[in-house]
Amino acid sequence: MSQKKQHMNVDAIANLARIELTDGERRRFAEQLEKILDYIDILQSIDVEGVEPSAHAFEVVNVWREDVVEVGFSQECALQNAPVRESGQIRVPKVVDDA
């Protein structure tokens, strides 16, 4: 356990998150935060000298292809399965509330 570790103020964290906690939740979260900090101490003690930094466990490479213009669907083809059409477009139910 790190000697620099300070007591986590669960009430201050809950206040920042704008949540109310019961006494049981405070105790449980304090224990969980303590375990998280202990695990961070373990990770910080690992010697990573000479290890290349990475963002992924496997090498990730961008695969680029030429941007080729192709003929798309005609308007009629795109609309052929639309349940409701209006002015050459697909009409859908309103999903945004005015309130």
Protein backbone atom coordinates (compact mmCIF):
# COMPACT_ATOMS: atom_id res chain seq x y z
CA MET A 1 0.00 0.00 0.00
CA SER A 2 1.33 3.42 -0.93
CA GLN A 3 2.49 5.63 1.90
CA LYS A 4 1.20 8.63 -0.07
CA LYS A 5 -2.34 7.29 -0.15
CA GLN A 6 -4.87 9.60 1.40
CA HIS A 7 -8.29 8.78 2.74
CA MET A 8 -10.86 9.07 -0.05
CA ASN A 9 -13.67 11.41 0.89
CA VAL A 10 -16.66 9.50 -0.51
CA ASP A 11 -19.03 12.32 0.46
CA ALA A 12 -17.04 14.84 -1.59
CA ILE A 13 -17.04 12.47 -4.58
CA ALA A 14 -20.77 11.86 -4.22
CA ASN A 15 -21.34 15.62 -4.04
CA LEU A 16 -19.37 16.13 -7.27
CA ALA A 17 -21.43 13.37 -8.91
CA ARG A 18 -24.60 14.91 -7.51
CA ILE A 19 -25.78 11.67 -5.92
CA GLU A 20 -26.99 10.89 -2.43
CA LEU A 21 -25.57 7.87 -0.64
CA THR A 22 -26.82 5.83 2.28
CA ASP A 23 -24.40 4.97 5.10
CA GLY A 24 -24.08 1.46 3.70
CA GLU A 25 -23.25 2.78 0.24
CA ARG A 26 -20.64 5.12 1.72
CA ARG A 27 -18.91 2.22 3.48
CA ARG A 28 -19.10 -0.04 0.43
CA PHE A 29 -17.79 2.64 -1.97
CA ALA A 30 -15.00 3.58 0.44
CA GLU A 31 -13.89 -0.07 0.51
CA GLN A 32 -14.10 -0.32 -3.27
CA LEU A 33 -12.10 2.87 -3.77
CA GLU A 34 -9.48 1.57 -1.34
CA LYS A 35 -9.15 -1.65 -3.39
CA ILE A 36 -8.87 0.34 -6.62
CA LEU A 37 -6.09 2.48 -5.15
CA ASP A 38 -4.30 -0.64 -3.89
CA TYR A 39 -4.46 -2.11 -7.40
CA ILE A 40 -3.09 1.11 -8.89
CA ASP A 41 -0.17 0.88 -6.45
CA ILE A 42 0.52 -2.66 -7.72
CA LEU A 43 0.42 -1.48 -11.33
CA GLN A 44 2.75 1.42 -10.55
CA SER A 45 5.30 -0.95 -9.03
CA ILE A 46 5.67 -2.98 -12.25
CA ASP A 47 8.92 -2.40 -14.14
CA VAL A 48 8.03 -1.34 -17.68
CA GLU A 49 11.52 -0.20 -18.69
CA GLY A 50 11.98 -0.87 -22.39
CA VAL A 51 8.32 -1.69 -23.03
CA GLU A 52 6.90 0.19 -26.01
CA PRO A 53 3.77 2.19 -25.18
CA SER A 54 0.65 0.99 -26.97
CA ALA A 55 -3.03 1.80 -27.12
CA HIS A 56 -4.10 -1.74 -28.05
CA ALA A 57 -3.02 -5.26 -27.21
CA PHE A 58 -2.66 -5.98 -30.93
CA GLU A 59 -1.12 -3.81 -33.60
CA VAL A 60 -3.81 -1.73 -35.25
CA VAL A 61 -3.13 -0.40 -38.71
CA ASN A 62 -5.35 1.87 -40.77
CA VAL A 63 -6.36 0.27 -44.02
CA TRP A 64 -6.86 2.90 -46.67
CA ARG A 65 -8.40 2.36 -50.08
CA GLU A 66 -8.90 4.62 -53.02
CA ASP A 67 -12.09 6.62 -52.94
CA VAL A 68 -13.82 5.47 -56.09
CA VAL A 69 -17.02 7.10 -57.31
CA GLU A 70 -19.65 4.50 -58.09
CA VAL A 71 -23.19 4.72 -59.37
CA GLY A 72 -25.63 4.64 -56.44
CA PHE A 73 -29.29 3.82 -56.15
CA SER A 74 -31.82 5.75 -58.14
CA GLN A 75 -34.37 7.65 -56.08
CA GLU A 76 -37.11 5.23 -57.15
CA CYS A 77 -34.98 2.22 -56.18
CA ALA A 78 -34.15 3.74 -52.77
CA LEU A 79 -37.82 4.47 -52.08
CA GLN A 80 -39.31 1.22 -53.38
CA ASN A 81 -39.61 -0.38 -49.91
CA ALA A 82 -40.46 2.79 -47.99
CA PRO A 83 -43.75 2.35 -46.15
CA VAL A 84 -44.70 6.02 -46.61
CA ARG A 85 -43.29 8.44 -49.20
CA GLU A 86 -43.69 12.19 -49.41
CA SER A 87 -42.14 14.56 -51.95
CA GLY A 88 -39.62 11.93 -53.08
CA GLN A 89 -38.48 11.19 -49.52
CA ILE A 90 -39.18 8.56 -46.86
CA ARG A 91 -41.69 9.87 -44.32
CA VAL A 92 -41.02 8.72 -40.77
CA PRO A 93 -42.85 9.35 -37.49
CA LYS A 94 -41.81 12.39 -35.49
CA VAL A 95 -39.28 11.41 -32.83
CA VAL A 96 -38.54 14.80 -31.25
CA ASP A 97 -40.84 16.17 -28.57
CA ASP A 98 -41.79 19.85 -28.83
CA ALA A 99 -41.52 20.33 -25.06
